[in-house]
N, C-alpha and C. Protein backbone atom coordinates (compact mmCIF):
# COMPACT_ATOMS: atom_id res chain seq x y z
N MET A 1 340.09 135.91 120.17
CA MET A 1 339.53 136.39 118.92
C MET A 1 339.59 135.25 117.89
N GLU A 2 338.55 135.13 117.14
CA GLU A 2 338.42 134.10 116.12
C GLU A 2 339.43 134.31 114.98
N THR A 3 339.94 133.23 114.43
CA THR A 3 340.94 133.29 113.35
C THR A 3 340.43 134.11 112.16
N LYS A 4 339.16 133.91 111.80
CA LYS A 4 338.58 134.63 110.67
C LYS A 4 338.58 136.15 110.94
N THR A 5 338.30 136.53 112.16
CA THR A 5 338.29 137.95 112.54
C THR A 5 339.71 138.52 112.45
N ILE A 6 340.68 137.78 112.95
CA ILE A 6 342.07 138.21 112.88
C ILE A 6 342.49 138.39 111.41
N ALA A 7 342.09 137.44 110.57
CA ALA A 7 342.44 137.52 109.14
C ALA A 7 341.78 138.73 108.48
N ARG A 8 340.53 139.00 108.82
CA ARG A 8 339.82 140.16 108.25
C ARG A 8 340.45 141.47 108.71
N VAL A 9 340.75 141.57 110.00
CA VAL A 9 341.37 142.79 110.53
C VAL A 9 342.75 142.99 109.91
N ALA A 10 343.52 141.91 109.78
CA ALA A 10 344.85 142.02 109.18
C ALA A 10 344.74 142.47 107.72
N LEU A 11 343.76 141.94 106.99
CA LEU A 11 343.57 142.33 105.59
C LEU A 11 343.18 143.81 105.49
N GLY A 12 342.26 144.23 106.34
CA GLY A 12 341.85 145.63 106.34
C GLY A 12 343.02 146.56 106.65
N ALA A 13 343.81 146.19 107.66
CA ALA A 13 344.97 147.00 108.03
C ALA A 13 346.01 147.02 106.91
N MET A 14 346.20 145.88 106.26
CA MET A 14 347.15 145.81 105.15
C MET A 14 346.71 146.73 104.01
N LEU A 15 345.42 146.73 103.71
CA LEU A 15 344.91 147.58 102.63
C LEU A 15 345.08 149.06 102.97
N ILE A 16 344.79 149.43 104.20
CA ILE A 16 344.96 150.83 104.60
C ILE A 16 346.42 151.23 104.50
N THR A 17 347.31 150.37 104.97
CA THR A 17 348.75 150.65 104.88
C THR A 17 349.21 150.76 103.43
N ALA A 18 348.74 149.85 102.60
CA ALA A 18 349.10 149.90 101.17
C ALA A 18 348.57 151.18 100.54
N GLY A 19 347.34 151.56 100.89
CA GLY A 19 346.77 152.78 100.34
C GLY A 19 347.56 154.01 100.73
N ILE A 20 347.96 154.07 101.99
CA ILE A 20 348.78 155.19 102.45
C ILE A 20 350.12 155.20 101.71
N SER A 21 350.68 154.03 101.49
CA SER A 21 351.97 153.97 100.78
C SER A 21 351.82 154.42 99.32
N HIS A 22 350.65 154.19 98.72
CA HIS A 22 350.39 154.69 97.37
C HIS A 22 350.49 156.21 97.32
N LEU A 23 350.05 156.84 98.38
CA LEU A 23 349.96 158.29 98.41
C LEU A 23 351.24 158.95 98.92
N THR A 24 352.14 158.15 99.47
CA THR A 24 353.32 158.74 100.12
C THR A 24 354.61 158.07 99.66
N PHE A 25 355.19 157.26 100.51
CA PHE A 25 356.57 156.77 100.34
C PHE A 25 356.79 155.76 99.22
N ALA A 26 355.75 155.08 98.73
CA ALA A 26 355.95 154.07 97.68
C ALA A 26 355.31 154.48 96.35
N ARG A 27 355.01 155.72 96.22
CA ARG A 27 354.30 156.19 95.03
C ARG A 27 355.05 155.88 93.74
N LYS A 28 356.36 156.12 93.72
CA LYS A 28 357.16 155.85 92.53
C LYS A 28 357.12 154.37 92.16
N GLU A 29 357.22 153.51 93.17
CA GLU A 29 357.20 152.05 92.92
C GLU A 29 355.85 151.63 92.34
N PHE A 30 354.76 152.17 92.88
CA PHE A 30 353.45 151.83 92.37
C PHE A 30 353.25 152.34 90.94
N LYS A 31 353.77 153.51 90.64
CA LYS A 31 353.66 154.04 89.27
C LYS A 31 354.34 153.10 88.28
N ALA A 32 355.41 152.46 88.71
CA ALA A 32 356.12 151.52 87.83
C ALA A 32 355.26 150.31 87.49
N GLN A 33 354.26 150.02 88.30
CA GLN A 33 353.42 148.85 88.07
C GLN A 33 352.19 149.14 87.22
N VAL A 34 351.89 150.39 86.96
CA VAL A 34 350.69 150.72 86.18
C VAL A 34 350.94 150.34 84.72
N PRO A 35 350.11 149.45 84.18
CA PRO A 35 350.30 149.04 82.78
C PRO A 35 350.10 150.22 81.83
N ASP A 36 350.80 150.18 80.71
CA ASP A 36 350.71 151.26 79.73
C ASP A 36 349.32 151.40 79.12
N PHE A 37 348.52 150.33 79.14
CA PHE A 37 347.20 150.42 78.51
C PHE A 37 346.18 151.16 79.38
N VAL A 38 346.51 151.45 80.63
CA VAL A 38 345.58 152.21 81.48
C VAL A 38 345.50 153.63 80.92
N PRO A 39 344.29 154.10 80.63
CA PRO A 39 344.15 155.38 79.94
C PRO A 39 344.39 156.63 80.80
N LEU A 40 344.58 156.46 82.08
CA LEU A 40 344.83 157.60 82.97
C LEU A 40 346.32 157.83 83.15
N ASP A 41 346.66 159.01 83.59
CA ASP A 41 348.03 159.32 83.98
C ASP A 41 348.45 158.33 85.07
N LYS A 42 349.67 157.84 85.02
CA LYS A 42 350.13 156.83 85.98
C LYS A 42 350.04 157.33 87.42
N ASP A 43 350.41 158.58 87.66
CA ASP A 43 350.34 159.12 89.01
C ASP A 43 348.89 159.20 89.49
N ASP A 44 348.00 159.63 88.61
CA ASP A 44 346.58 159.68 88.98
C ASP A 44 346.06 158.29 89.31
N THR A 45 346.46 157.31 88.51
CA THR A 45 346.03 155.93 88.75
C THR A 45 346.48 155.46 90.13
N VAL A 46 347.72 155.77 90.50
CA VAL A 46 348.25 155.37 91.80
C VAL A 46 347.49 156.08 92.92
N VAL A 47 347.22 157.36 92.75
CA VAL A 47 346.47 158.11 93.77
C VAL A 47 345.07 157.52 93.93
N TYR A 48 344.37 157.31 92.82
CA TYR A 48 343.00 156.78 92.90
C TYR A 48 342.98 155.38 93.51
N SER A 49 343.94 154.54 93.12
CA SER A 49 343.95 153.19 93.69
C SER A 49 344.33 153.23 95.17
N GLY A 50 345.17 154.18 95.56
CA GLY A 50 345.50 154.34 96.98
C GLY A 50 344.29 154.74 97.80
N ILE A 51 343.53 155.68 97.27
CA ILE A 51 342.29 156.11 97.96
C ILE A 51 341.32 154.93 98.05
N ALA A 52 341.22 154.18 96.96
CA ALA A 52 340.34 153.00 96.95
C ALA A 52 340.78 151.98 98.00
N GLU A 53 342.08 151.76 98.12
CA GLU A 53 342.56 150.79 99.11
C GLU A 53 342.29 151.25 100.54
N ILE A 54 342.46 152.53 100.80
CA ILE A 54 342.16 153.04 102.14
C ILE A 54 340.66 152.87 102.44
N ALA A 55 339.83 153.20 101.47
CA ALA A 55 338.38 153.06 101.65
C ALA A 55 337.99 151.59 101.83
N LEU A 56 338.55 150.71 101.00
CA LEU A 56 338.22 149.28 101.10
C LEU A 56 338.72 148.69 102.41
N GLY A 57 339.92 149.08 102.81
CA GLY A 57 340.45 148.59 104.08
C GLY A 57 339.61 149.04 105.25
N SER A 58 339.20 150.30 105.22
CA SER A 58 338.35 150.84 106.30
C SER A 58 337.01 150.12 106.33
N ALA A 59 336.42 149.93 105.15
CA ALA A 59 335.13 149.24 105.08
C ALA A 59 335.26 147.79 105.55
N THR A 60 336.38 147.16 105.25
CA THR A 60 336.61 145.78 105.69
C THR A 60 336.65 145.72 107.21
N LEU A 61 337.27 146.70 107.82
CA LEU A 61 337.35 146.74 109.29
C LEU A 61 336.02 147.10 109.93
N LEU A 62 335.25 147.98 109.32
CA LEU A 62 334.09 148.56 109.96
C LEU A 62 332.74 148.00 109.52
N ALA A 63 332.72 147.20 108.48
CA ALA A 63 331.44 146.69 107.96
C ALA A 63 330.72 145.85 109.01
N PRO A 64 329.42 146.08 109.16
CA PRO A 64 328.65 145.21 110.05
C PRO A 64 328.71 143.77 109.55
N LYS A 65 328.55 142.85 110.44
CA LYS A 65 328.70 141.42 110.12
C LYS A 65 327.86 141.00 108.90
N LYS A 66 326.64 141.53 108.80
CA LYS A 66 325.77 141.12 107.69
C LYS A 66 326.27 141.59 106.33
N HIS A 67 327.13 142.61 106.30
CA HIS A 67 327.66 143.13 105.03
C HIS A 67 329.06 142.62 104.70
N ARG A 68 329.64 141.86 105.58
CA ARG A 68 331.01 141.39 105.35
C ARG A 68 331.15 140.48 104.12
N PRO A 69 330.21 139.57 103.88
CA PRO A 69 330.36 138.75 102.66
C PRO A 69 330.38 139.60 101.38
N LEU A 70 329.58 140.64 101.34
CA LEU A 70 329.60 141.54 100.19
C LEU A 70 330.95 142.24 100.10
N MET A 71 331.49 142.67 101.24
CA MET A 71 332.81 143.29 101.26
C MET A 71 333.86 142.35 100.69
N GLY A 72 333.77 141.08 101.06
CA GLY A 72 334.72 140.09 100.54
C GLY A 72 334.66 139.99 99.03
N LYS A 73 333.46 140.02 98.49
CA LYS A 73 333.29 139.95 97.03
C LYS A 73 333.83 141.21 96.36
N ILE A 74 333.60 142.34 96.98
CA ILE A 74 334.12 143.60 96.43
C ILE A 74 335.65 143.59 96.46
N LEU A 75 336.23 143.13 97.57
CA LEU A 75 337.69 143.03 97.67
C LEU A 75 338.24 142.06 96.63
N ALA A 76 337.59 140.92 96.48
CA ALA A 76 338.05 139.94 95.49
C ALA A 76 338.02 140.56 94.08
N GLY A 77 336.98 141.33 93.80
CA GLY A 77 336.90 142.02 92.52
C GLY A 77 338.01 143.04 92.36
N PHE A 78 338.31 143.77 93.42
CA PHE A 78 339.39 144.75 93.37
C PHE A 78 340.73 144.06 93.12
N PHE A 79 341.00 142.99 93.86
CA PHE A 79 342.27 142.27 93.68
C PHE A 79 342.38 141.69 92.26
N THR A 80 341.26 141.29 91.70
CA THR A 80 341.24 140.80 90.32
C THR A 80 341.52 141.95 89.35
N ALA A 81 340.92 143.11 89.62
CA ALA A 81 341.07 144.27 88.73
C ALA A 81 342.50 144.80 88.68
N ILE A 82 343.23 144.67 89.78
CA ILE A 82 344.60 145.20 89.79
C ILE A 82 345.64 144.16 89.37
N PHE A 83 345.20 142.94 89.14
CA PHE A 83 346.12 141.88 88.73
C PHE A 83 346.88 142.20 87.44
N PRO A 84 346.26 142.86 86.45
CA PRO A 84 347.03 143.20 85.25
C PRO A 84 348.29 144.02 85.54
N GLY A 85 348.29 144.79 86.62
CA GLY A 85 349.50 145.52 87.01
C GLY A 85 350.63 144.57 87.37
N ASN A 86 350.30 143.48 88.05
CA ASN A 86 351.31 142.49 88.39
C ASN A 86 351.81 141.76 87.15
N ILE A 87 350.88 141.47 86.25
CA ILE A 87 351.27 140.81 84.99
C ILE A 87 352.17 141.74 84.18
N ALA A 88 351.80 143.02 84.10
CA ALA A 88 352.62 143.99 83.36
C ALA A 88 354.01 144.12 83.98
N GLN A 89 354.08 144.09 85.30
CA GLN A 89 355.39 144.18 85.94
C GLN A 89 356.25 142.99 85.55
N TYR A 90 355.65 141.82 85.48
CA TYR A 90 356.39 140.62 85.09
C TYR A 90 356.78 140.65 83.61
N THR A 91 355.81 140.91 82.74
CA THR A 91 356.09 140.84 81.31
C THR A 91 357.01 141.97 80.83
N ASN A 92 356.93 143.13 81.48
CA ASN A 92 357.78 144.27 81.10
C ASN A 92 359.08 144.33 81.90
N ARG A 93 359.25 143.36 82.78
CA ARG A 93 360.47 143.26 83.61
C ARG A 93 360.76 144.55 84.38
N VAL A 94 359.72 145.04 85.04
CA VAL A 94 359.83 146.27 85.82
C VAL A 94 360.28 145.93 87.24
N ASP A 95 361.35 146.56 87.66
CA ASP A 95 361.84 146.38 89.03
C ASP A 95 361.10 147.34 89.96
N ALA A 96 360.40 146.78 90.93
CA ALA A 96 359.72 147.58 91.96
C ALA A 96 359.42 146.66 93.12
N PHE A 97 359.47 147.20 94.32
CA PHE A 97 359.17 146.45 95.54
C PHE A 97 360.06 145.22 95.71
N ASN A 98 361.31 145.37 95.41
CA ASN A 98 362.29 144.29 95.52
C ASN A 98 361.97 143.09 94.62
N LEU A 99 361.12 143.31 93.64
CA LEU A 99 360.86 142.28 92.64
C LEU A 99 361.79 142.58 91.47
N THR A 100 363.04 142.19 91.64
CA THR A 100 364.10 142.60 90.73
C THR A 100 364.60 141.49 89.82
N THR A 101 363.93 140.36 89.86
CA THR A 101 364.28 139.26 88.95
C THR A 101 362.99 138.72 88.35
N ASP A 102 363.12 138.05 87.22
CA ASP A 102 361.94 137.43 86.62
C ASP A 102 361.33 136.41 87.57
N LYS A 103 362.16 135.69 88.27
CA LYS A 103 361.68 134.67 89.20
C LYS A 103 360.82 135.29 90.31
N ARG A 104 361.28 136.39 90.87
CA ARG A 104 360.52 137.07 91.93
C ARG A 104 359.22 137.66 91.38
N ARG A 105 359.30 138.29 90.22
CA ARG A 105 358.10 138.87 89.62
C ARG A 105 357.09 137.79 89.27
N PHE A 106 357.56 136.64 88.80
CA PHE A 106 356.67 135.53 88.48
C PHE A 106 356.03 134.97 89.75
N ALA A 107 356.82 134.81 90.80
CA ALA A 107 356.29 134.30 92.06
C ALA A 107 355.21 135.23 92.62
N ARG A 108 355.38 136.54 92.42
CA ARG A 108 354.40 137.52 92.91
C ARG A 108 353.03 137.30 92.28
N LEU A 109 353.00 136.80 91.05
CA LEU A 109 351.72 136.55 90.39
C LEU A 109 350.84 135.59 91.19
N PHE A 110 351.47 134.68 91.90
CA PHE A 110 350.72 133.68 92.66
C PHE A 110 350.20 134.23 93.99
N MET A 111 350.59 135.43 94.35
CA MET A 111 350.09 136.07 95.56
C MET A 111 348.67 136.59 95.37
N GLN A 112 348.34 136.97 94.14
CA GLN A 112 347.02 137.56 93.89
C GLN A 112 345.88 136.58 94.19
N PRO A 113 345.96 135.33 93.74
CA PRO A 113 344.90 134.39 94.13
C PRO A 113 344.81 134.19 95.65
N VAL A 114 345.94 134.27 96.33
CA VAL A 114 345.95 134.17 97.80
C VAL A 114 345.17 135.34 98.40
N LEU A 115 345.40 136.54 97.87
CA LEU A 115 344.67 137.72 98.37
C LEU A 115 343.17 137.59 98.11
N ILE A 116 342.81 137.08 96.95
CA ILE A 116 341.39 136.88 96.63
C ILE A 116 340.77 135.88 97.59
N TYR A 117 341.46 134.78 97.81
CA TYR A 117 340.97 133.76 98.75
C TYR A 117 340.85 134.35 100.16
N TRP A 118 341.87 135.07 100.58
CA TRP A 118 341.90 135.70 101.90
C TRP A 118 340.69 136.64 102.06
N ALA A 119 340.42 137.44 101.05
CA ALA A 119 339.28 138.36 101.11
C ALA A 119 337.97 137.61 101.25
N LEU A 120 337.79 136.57 100.48
CA LEU A 120 336.54 135.83 100.52
C LEU A 120 336.36 135.03 101.82
N LYS A 121 337.41 134.38 102.26
CA LYS A 121 337.30 133.54 103.47
C LYS A 121 337.20 134.36 104.76
N SER A 122 337.91 135.46 104.83
CA SER A 122 337.91 136.23 106.09
C SER A 122 336.63 137.04 106.29
N THR A 123 335.83 137.15 105.26
CA THR A 123 334.59 137.93 105.36
C THR A 123 333.34 137.07 105.26
N LYS A 124 333.52 135.78 105.12
CA LYS A 124 332.40 134.85 104.94
C LYS A 124 331.59 134.71 106.22
């Protein structure tokens, strides 16, 4: 199997797993990451983003080859849209997902560009 295919399948599976965790065992942790400026209830935001991640992960796995570049752009947009949650976790010093120090929360900020790159490259 081609490296790009493995990366795309891994990304899709990761998104589905993350989405399921939004709806089940990690719901409280995800609620801690929702910035205060989001106008929806924090629990609703987590549920909606979990559903979105399951849908995006499934689409990433199942999209026909000709639609994969568009999927990559949609994923990159999604990862960009949720980045304020990571910033809020850092600036508000919120402990969640073992990000219990400023150093760890700051390092997590650099993961988002990696996810954006991963989405774009694995679907190109």
